Amino acid sequence: MNEMTSTKPYMIRAIHEWCVDNQLTPHLLVAVNAQTKVPMAYVKDGEIVLNLNYSATKDLNFTNEAVTFSARFSGVSNNLYVPISAIKGIFARENGQGMFFEVMEEVINQNKNNEIESSEIEEKNISSEVKKTTLKLVK
């Protein structure tokens, strides 16, 4: 028998539909990694929460591999790509009801590596910008 597909993308679609049917605002909790295409200025602690309401998105598309759509952030349109493996949960903003998932270990490790790399880059940039000050004794 062939390997069965994951139930996760089906559950995400179902919770999204449930939210919309009940006039709730569906939100997606995402663990940001190298494959995730989201505005990095809005990422906090390696995560981002995205509004998936039809009024907040354009061309919202759910597949078994990813959720894709366009959304505006501070008035600027962005094309977003969220792999199913990076989705930590989908829930209604109004009451918090929804479904949360375990994120695969490789996504978590990739987030840690990205954070380490970015902090090393920041340290190098800061150290190159900081110049040593010297004091002279003036009489």
N, C-alpha and C. Protein backbone atom coordinates (compact mmCIF):
# COMPACT_ATOMS: atom_id res chain seq x y z
N MET A 1 0.84 -1.19 0.00
CA MET A 1 0.00 0.00 0.00
C MET A 1 0.88 1.25 0.00
N ASN A 2 0.50 2.25 -0.76
CA ASN A 2 1.27 3.49 -0.83
C ASN A 2 1.19 4.24 0.50
N GLU A 3 2.20 5.06 0.74
CA GLU A 3 2.22 5.87 1.95
C GLU A 3 1.06 6.87 1.91
N MET A 4 0.35 6.97 3.02
CA MET A 4 -0.82 7.85 3.08
C MET A 4 -0.35 9.30 3.26
N THR A 5 -1.15 10.23 2.75
CA THR A 5 -0.84 11.65 2.91
C THR A 5 -1.16 12.09 4.33
N SER A 6 -0.52 13.15 4.75
CA SER A 6 -0.73 13.70 6.09
C SER A 6 -2.14 14.26 6.23
N THR A 7 -2.68 14.16 7.44
CA THR A 7 -4.00 14.75 7.71
C THR A 7 -3.90 16.24 8.01
N LYS A 8 -2.70 16.73 8.27
CA LYS A 8 -2.51 18.12 8.69
C LYS A 8 -3.09 19.14 7.71
N PRO A 9 -2.81 19.07 6.40
CA PRO A 9 -3.39 20.08 5.50
C PRO A 9 -4.92 20.03 5.45
N TYR A 10 -5.49 18.85 5.62
CA TYR A 10 -6.94 18.71 5.62
C TYR A 10 -7.54 19.34 6.88
N MET A 11 -6.88 19.17 8.01
CA MET A 11 -7.34 19.77 9.26
C MET A 11 -7.24 21.30 9.20
N ILE A 12 -6.18 21.79 8.59
CA ILE A 12 -6.00 23.24 8.46
C ILE A 12 -7.14 23.83 7.62
N ARG A 13 -7.45 23.18 6.50
CA ARG A 13 -8.56 23.64 5.65
C ARG A 13 -9.89 23.58 6.40
N ALA A 14 -10.09 22.50 7.17
CA ALA A 14 -11.35 22.34 7.90
C ALA A 14 -11.53 23.40 8.97
N ILE A 15 -10.49 23.69 9.74
CA ILE A 15 -10.59 24.71 10.78
C ILE A 15 -10.78 26.09 10.15
N HIS A 16 -10.12 26.35 9.03
CA HIS A 16 -10.31 27.61 8.32
C HIS A 16 -11.77 27.76 7.90
N GLU A 17 -12.33 26.72 7.32
CA GLU A 17 -13.73 26.76 6.88
C GLU A 17 -14.67 26.94 8.06
N TRP A 18 -14.40 26.25 9.17
CA TRP A 18 -15.21 26.38 10.38
C TRP A 18 -15.21 27.82 10.89
N CYS A 19 -14.02 28.44 10.91
CA CYS A 19 -13.91 29.84 11.35
C CYS A 19 -14.76 30.75 10.46
N VAL A 20 -14.61 30.62 9.16
CA VAL A 20 -15.33 31.47 8.21
C VAL A 20 -16.84 31.25 8.35
N ASP A 21 -17.28 30.00 8.46
CA ASP A 21 -18.70 29.69 8.59
C ASP A 21 -19.31 30.30 9.85
N ASN A 22 -18.50 30.46 10.89
CA ASN A 22 -18.99 31.00 12.16
C ASN A 22 -18.64 32.48 12.36
N GLN A 23 -18.31 33.16 11.26
CA GLN A 23 -17.95 34.58 11.27
C GLN A 23 -16.83 34.88 12.27
N LEU A 24 -15.86 33.98 12.35
CA LEU A 24 -14.67 34.17 13.17
C LEU A 24 -13.49 34.48 12.26
N THR A 25 -12.42 35.00 12.84
CA THR A 25 -11.24 35.38 12.06
C THR A 25 -10.16 34.31 12.20
N PRO A 26 -9.90 33.54 11.13
CA PRO A 26 -8.89 32.48 11.23
C PRO A 26 -7.48 33.07 11.21
N HIS A 27 -6.66 32.61 12.13
CA HIS A 27 -5.26 33.02 12.21
C HIS A 27 -4.37 31.79 12.14
N LEU A 28 -3.23 31.95 11.49
CA LEU A 28 -2.27 30.87 11.31
C LEU A 28 -1.02 31.19 12.12
N LEU A 29 -0.58 30.26 12.97
CA LEU A 29 0.66 30.41 13.72
C LEU A 29 1.74 29.64 12.98
N VAL A 30 2.82 30.33 12.61
CA VAL A 30 3.85 29.75 11.74
C VAL A 30 5.23 29.84 12.38
N ALA A 31 5.96 28.74 12.34
CA ALA A 31 7.38 28.72 12.71
C ALA A 31 8.15 29.09 11.45
N VAL A 32 8.75 30.26 11.45
CA VAL A 32 9.42 30.78 10.26
C VAL A 32 10.75 30.05 10.04
N ASN A 33 10.97 29.61 8.79
CA ASN A 33 12.22 28.95 8.42
C ASN A 33 12.65 29.44 7.05
N ALA A 34 13.67 28.82 6.49
CA ALA A 34 14.22 29.28 5.21
C ALA A 34 13.22 29.12 4.07
N GLN A 35 12.33 28.14 4.14
CA GLN A 35 11.36 27.93 3.07
C GLN A 35 10.15 28.86 3.19
N THR A 36 9.94 29.42 4.36
CA THR A 36 8.79 30.28 4.60
C THR A 36 9.06 31.67 4.02
N LYS A 37 8.12 32.17 3.23
CA LYS A 37 8.26 33.51 2.66
C LYS A 37 7.20 34.41 3.28
N VAL A 38 7.63 35.16 4.30
CA VAL A 38 6.79 36.11 5.02
C VAL A 38 7.60 37.37 5.27
N PRO A 39 6.96 38.50 5.56
CA PRO A 39 7.74 39.71 5.87
C PRO A 39 8.47 39.55 7.20
N MET A 40 9.78 39.51 7.14
CA MET A 40 10.61 39.22 8.31
C MET A 40 10.50 40.29 9.40
N ALA A 41 10.10 41.50 9.03
CA ALA A 41 9.96 42.57 10.03
C ALA A 41 8.86 42.25 11.05
N TYR A 42 7.98 41.33 10.73
CA TYR A 42 6.87 40.98 11.61
C TYR A 42 7.08 39.66 12.33
N VAL A 43 8.25 39.07 12.18
CA VAL A 43 8.57 37.80 12.84
C VAL A 43 9.08 38.11 14.23
N LYS A 44 8.54 37.39 15.23
CA LYS A 44 8.98 37.58 16.61
C LYS A 44 9.27 36.20 17.20
N ASP A 45 10.46 36.04 17.74
CA ASP A 45 10.90 34.77 18.33
C ASP A 45 10.74 33.60 17.36
N GLY A 46 11.04 33.86 16.09
CA GLY A 46 10.99 32.80 15.08
C GLY A 46 9.59 32.41 14.66
N GLU A 47 8.58 33.19 15.05
CA GLU A 47 7.19 32.89 14.72
C GLU A 47 6.49 34.12 14.16
N ILE A 48 5.42 33.86 13.43
CA ILE A 48 4.56 34.93 12.94
C ILE A 48 3.12 34.43 12.96
N VAL A 49 2.19 35.32 13.27
CA VAL A 49 0.77 35.00 13.24
C VAL A 49 0.17 35.75 12.06
N LEU A 50 -0.53 35.01 11.19
CA LEU A 50 -1.08 35.59 9.96
C LEU A 50 -2.60 35.49 9.96
N ASN A 51 -3.26 36.59 9.59
CA ASN A 51 -4.71 36.63 9.45
C ASN A 51 -5.08 35.99 8.12
N LEU A 52 -5.88 34.92 8.16
CA LEU A 52 -6.27 34.22 6.94
C LEU A 52 -7.71 34.51 6.53
N ASN A 53 -8.29 35.57 7.06
CA ASN A 53 -9.64 35.94 6.67
C ASN A 53 -9.63 36.34 5.19
N TYR A 54 -10.69 36.02 4.46
CA TYR A 54 -10.74 36.35 3.03
C TYR A 54 -10.63 37.86 2.81
N SER A 55 -11.09 38.66 3.77
CA SER A 55 -11.01 40.12 3.61
C SER A 55 -9.59 40.64 3.81
N ALA A 56 -8.72 39.83 4.41
CA ALA A 56 -7.34 40.25 4.67
C ALA A 56 -6.35 39.64 3.68
N THR A 57 -6.83 38.74 2.83
CA THR A 57 -5.95 38.04 1.90
C THR A 57 -6.46 38.16 0.47
N LYS A 58 -5.59 37.86 -0.45
CA LYS A 58 -5.95 37.79 -1.87
C LYS A 58 -5.36 36.49 -2.41
N ASP A 59 -6.13 35.80 -3.24
CA ASP A 59 -5.67 34.55 -3.86
C ASP A 59 -5.24 33.50 -2.83
N LEU A 60 -6.02 33.38 -1.75
CA LEU A 60 -5.71 32.39 -0.71
C LEU A 60 -5.87 30.99 -1.30
N ASN A 61 -4.81 30.17 -1.15
CA ASN A 61 -4.82 28.83 -1.73
C ASN A 61 -4.20 27.84 -0.75
N PHE A 62 -4.94 26.77 -0.46
CA PHE A 62 -4.46 25.70 0.41
C PHE A 62 -4.14 24.49 -0.46
N THR A 63 -2.92 23.97 -0.36
CA THR A 63 -2.58 22.70 -1.00
C THR A 63 -2.07 21.76 0.09
N ASN A 64 -1.74 20.55 -0.29
CA ASN A 64 -1.19 19.62 0.70
C ASN A 64 0.26 19.95 1.05
N GLU A 65 0.89 20.86 0.29
CA GLU A 65 2.28 21.23 0.55
C GLU A 65 2.43 22.59 1.22
N ALA A 66 1.51 23.54 0.92
CA ALA A 66 1.69 24.90 1.42
C ALA A 66 0.39 25.70 1.40
N VAL A 67 0.44 26.81 2.13
CA VAL A 67 -0.62 27.82 2.07
C VAL A 67 0.02 29.04 1.40
N THR A 68 -0.61 29.53 0.34
CA THR A 68 -0.08 30.69 -0.38
C THR A 68 -1.16 31.74 -0.49
N PHE A 69 -0.75 33.00 -0.44
CA PHE A 69 -1.68 34.12 -0.58
C PHE A 69 -0.91 35.43 -0.64
N SER A 70 -1.62 36.50 -0.95
CA SER A 70 -1.07 37.85 -0.90
C SER A 70 -1.75 38.58 0.24
N ALA A 71 -0.99 39.42 0.92
CA ALA A 71 -1.54 40.23 2.02
C ALA A 71 -0.76 41.53 2.11
N ARG A 72 -1.39 42.52 2.71
CA ARG A 72 -0.74 43.82 2.89
C ARG A 72 -0.21 43.95 4.31
N PHE A 73 1.01 44.44 4.40
CA PHE A 73 1.65 44.74 5.68
C PHE A 73 2.09 46.19 5.60
N SER A 74 1.52 47.03 6.45
CA SER A 74 1.78 48.48 6.43
C SER A 74 1.56 49.05 5.03
N GLY A 75 0.52 48.57 4.37
CA GLY A 75 0.16 49.08 3.06
C GLY A 75 0.93 48.50 1.89
N VAL A 76 1.91 47.65 2.16
CA VAL A 76 2.73 47.07 1.10
C VAL A 76 2.28 45.63 0.85
N SER A 77 1.95 45.32 -0.40
CA SER A 77 1.49 43.98 -0.77
C SER A 77 2.66 42.99 -0.77
N ASN A 78 2.45 41.82 -0.17
CA ASN A 78 3.47 40.77 -0.09
C ASN A 78 2.85 39.45 -0.53
N ASN A 79 3.62 38.66 -1.29
CA ASN A 79 3.21 37.30 -1.63
C ASN A 79 3.80 36.38 -0.58
N LEU A 80 2.95 35.63 0.11
CA LEU A 80 3.39 34.77 1.20
C LEU A 80 3.32 33.31 0.80
N TYR A 81 4.28 32.54 1.31
CA TYR A 81 4.34 31.09 1.09
C TYR A 81 4.66 30.45 2.43
N VAL A 82 3.75 29.60 2.90
CA VAL A 82 3.93 28.93 4.19
C VAL A 82 3.84 27.42 3.98
N PRO A 83 4.96 26.72 4.10
CA PRO A 83 4.91 25.26 3.97
C PRO A 83 4.07 24.65 5.10
N ILE A 84 3.34 23.61 4.79
CA ILE A 84 2.51 22.94 5.79
C ILE A 84 3.37 22.50 6.98
N SER A 85 4.60 22.08 6.73
CA SER A 85 5.49 21.62 7.81
C SER A 85 5.82 22.71 8.81
N ALA A 86 5.70 23.99 8.43
CA ALA A 86 6.03 25.11 9.32
C ALA A 86 4.82 25.62 10.11
N ILE A 87 3.64 25.09 9.84
CA ILE A 87 2.43 25.57 10.52
C ILE A 87 2.32 24.93 11.90
N LYS A 88 2.25 25.80 12.91
CA LYS A 88 2.14 25.34 14.29
C LYS A 88 0.69 25.27 14.74
N GLY A 89 -0.19 26.02 14.08
CA GLY A 89 -1.59 25.98 14.47
C GLY A 89 -2.45 26.91 13.65
N ILE A 90 -3.75 26.66 13.70
CA ILE A 90 -4.75 27.54 13.11
C ILE A 90 -5.85 27.70 14.14
N PHE A 91 -6.27 28.94 14.36
CA PHE A 91 -7.22 29.21 15.43
C PHE A 91 -8.05 30.44 15.13
N ALA A 92 -9.16 30.59 15.85
CA ALA A 92 -10.02 31.76 15.72
C ALA A 92 -9.50 32.84 16.67
N ARG A 93 -9.31 34.04 16.16
CA ARG A 93 -8.81 35.14 16.98
C ARG A 93 -9.75 35.44 18.13
N GLU A 94 -11.04 35.37 17.90
CA GLU A 94 -12.03 35.78 18.89
C GLU A 94 -12.09 34.90 20.12
N ASN A 95 -11.89 33.59 19.96
CA ASN A 95 -12.02 32.70 21.12
C ASN A 95 -10.85 31.73 21.31
N GLY A 96 -9.87 31.76 20.41
CA GLY A 96 -8.69 30.90 20.54
C GLY A 96 -8.93 29.44 20.18
N GLN A 97 -10.14 29.09 19.80
CA GLN A 97 -10.42 27.70 19.44
C GLN A 97 -9.81 27.37 18.09
N GLY A 98 -9.28 26.19 17.98
CA GLY A 98 -8.67 25.76 16.74
C GLY A 98 -7.90 24.49 16.95
N MET A 99 -6.83 24.34 16.21
CA MET A 99 -6.02 23.13 16.30
C MET A 99 -4.55 23.52 16.20
N PHE A 100 -3.74 22.89 17.06
CA PHE A 100 -2.31 23.15 17.07
C PHE A 100 -1.56 21.86 16.78
N PHE A 101 -0.40 22.00 16.15
CA PHE A 101 0.35 20.86 15.67
C PHE A 101 1.77 20.90 16.19
N GLU A 102 2.40 19.73 16.22
CA GLU A 102 3.83 19.67 16.51
C GLU A 102 4.56 20.01 15.23
N VAL A 103 5.55 20.88 15.35
CA VAL A 103 6.36 21.23 14.19
C VAL A 103 7.50 20.23 14.13
N MET A 104 7.80 19.78 12.93
CA MET A 104 8.85 18.78 12.75
C MET A 104 10.17 19.29 13.30
N GLU A 105 10.95 18.39 13.86
CA GLU A 105 12.23 18.73 14.50
C GLU A 105 13.16 19.49 13.56
N GLU A 106 13.15 19.14 12.26
CA GLU A 106 14.05 19.81 11.31
C GLU A 106 13.70 21.29 11.16
N VAL A 107 12.42 21.64 11.27
CA VAL A 107 12.01 23.05 11.17
C VAL A 107 12.52 23.82 12.38
N ILE A 108 12.38 23.22 13.58
CA ILE A 108 12.85 23.86 14.80
C ILE A 108 14.37 24.08 14.74
N ASN A 109 15.11 23.05 14.34
CA ASN A 109 16.57 23.17 14.24
C ASN A 109 16.96 24.22 13.22
N GLN A 110 16.23 24.30 12.12
CA GLN A 110 16.53 25.28 11.09
C GLN A 110 16.30 26.70 11.63
N ASN A 111 15.24 26.89 12.44
CA ASN A 111 14.99 28.19 13.06
C ASN A 111 16.14 28.58 13.98
N LYS A 112 16.63 27.61 14.79
CA LYS A 112 17.74 27.90 15.70
C LYS A 112 18.98 28.28 14.92
N ASN A 113 19.26 27.55 13.83
CA ASN A 113 20.43 27.85 13.00
C ASN A 113 20.31 29.23 12.38
N ASN A 114 19.12 29.59 11.90
CA ASN A 114 18.90 30.91 11.31
C ASN A 114 19.11 32.01 12.34
N GLU A 115 18.62 31.78 13.59
CA GLU A 115 18.80 32.77 14.65
C GLU A 115 20.27 32.95 14.99
N ILE A 116 21.00 31.84 15.06
CA ILE A 116 22.44 31.90 15.38
C ILE A 116 23.18 32.64 14.29
N GLU A 117 22.89 32.31 13.02
CA GLU A 117 23.55 32.98 11.91
C GLU A 117 23.27 34.48 11.90
N SER A 118 22.01 34.86 12.14
CA SER A 118 21.67 36.27 12.10
C SER A 118 22.30 37.01 13.28
N SER A 119 22.40 36.35 14.46
CA SER A 119 23.03 37.01 15.60
C SER A 119 24.53 37.15 15.38
N GLU A 120 25.16 36.16 14.72
CA GLU A 120 26.58 36.27 14.41
C GLU A 120 26.83 37.40 13.42
N ILE A 121 25.97 37.54 12.44
CA ILE A 121 26.10 38.62 11.45
C ILE A 121 25.94 39.97 12.15
N GLU A 122 24.93 40.06 13.04
CA GLU A 122 24.71 41.31 13.77
C GLU A 122 25.93 41.66 14.62
N GLU A 123 26.52 40.65 15.31
CA GLU A 123 27.69 40.89 16.14
C GLU A 123 28.86 41.39 15.30
N LYS A 124 29.05 40.79 14.12
CA LYS A 124 30.13 41.22 13.24
C LYS A 124 29.91 42.65 12.77
N ASN A 125 28.65 42.97 12.42
CA ASN A 125 28.34 44.33 11.97
C ASN A 125 28.54 45.34 13.10
N ILE A 126 28.13 44.98 14.30
CA ILE A 126 28.27 45.89 15.45
C ILE A 126 29.75 46.08 15.77
N SER A 127 30.51 44.97 15.79
CA SER A 127 31.92 45.09 16.15
C SER A 127 32.70 45.87 15.10
N SER A 128 32.29 45.79 13.83
CA SER A 128 33.00 46.55 12.80
C SER A 128 32.63 48.03 12.86
N GLU A 129 31.41 48.31 13.39
CA GLU A 129 30.99 49.71 13.49
C GLU A 129 31.57 50.41 14.71
N VAL A 130 31.80 49.64 15.78
CA VAL A 130 32.29 50.22 17.02
C VAL A 130 33.79 50.46 16.88
N LYS A 131 34.18 51.69 17.13
CA LYS A 131 35.61 52.03 17.09
C LYS A 131 36.09 52.25 18.51
N LYS A 132 37.29 51.83 18.77
CA LYS A 132 37.83 52.01 20.10
C LYS A 132 38.08 53.48 20.34
N THR A 133 37.67 53.92 21.52
CA THR A 133 37.91 55.31 21.88
C THR A 133 39.19 55.37 22.71
N THR A 134 39.90 56.45 22.58
CA THR A 134 41.10 56.63 23.38
C THR A 134 40.99 57.95 24.13
N LEU A 135 41.57 57.96 25.29
CA LEU A 135 41.57 59.17 26.10
C LEU A 135 42.97 59.74 26.14
N LYS A 136 43.04 61.06 26.07
CA LYS A 136 44.33 61.74 26.19
C LYS A 136 44.26 62.68 27.37
N LEU A 137 45.32 62.74 28.07
CA LEU A 137 45.40 63.63 29.20
C LEU A 137 45.81 65.00 28.72
N VAL A 138 44.97 65.99 28.95
CA VAL A 138 45.25 67.35 28.51
C VAL A 138 45.53 68.19 29.77
N LYS A 139 46.69 68.93 29.75
CA LYS A 139 47.06 69.76 30.91
C LYS A 139 46.92 71.21 30.60
